[in-house]
Amino acid sequence: MALNRTFDLFVELGATNEQGDFPVLYGSGLNGWIVRDLERDPHEDMTALFETIVKHVPPPAVDRDGPFLMQISTLAWSDYHGQIGGGRHLVDRRAERDQHRRHVFRVGRAGCGLAAESPVSRFLP
């Protein structure tokens, strides 16, 4: 069984007891379901996966009092909105969203420098 081989691999690689006590889920990506118990749970949805993530994955360690910080992973352009940056919020004081500033950086052969600073027009969920 694949589960036994996975556990044996963890042991061979020197995993701790805590690492060897991992949650096990069974599922079908093609049919869109994940369950904890393959024989007893109904094969309906992905709820077991989401509940397991919430239970076992700790929230990120962030400084809630720090300035807004975002890691941009996608850049786009819109004739209506202008430059659009999409990414992950690393630090976000939601109470002060209206005060956030956007910094646009240019990277060239001479290095990286601040090209422009302007107000953030909107945040999308």
Foldseek 3Di string as FASTA:
>chain_A
DVLVVVLVVCVVVPHDPVVSPAQDWDADPVQAAIGRDPPPDDRDHDVVVVVSCVVPPDDDDADQPDAWDWDFDDWDADPVPGIDTDGGTRYDNPVCLQVDKDWDWDQDPVGIDTDDIGRDPDDDD
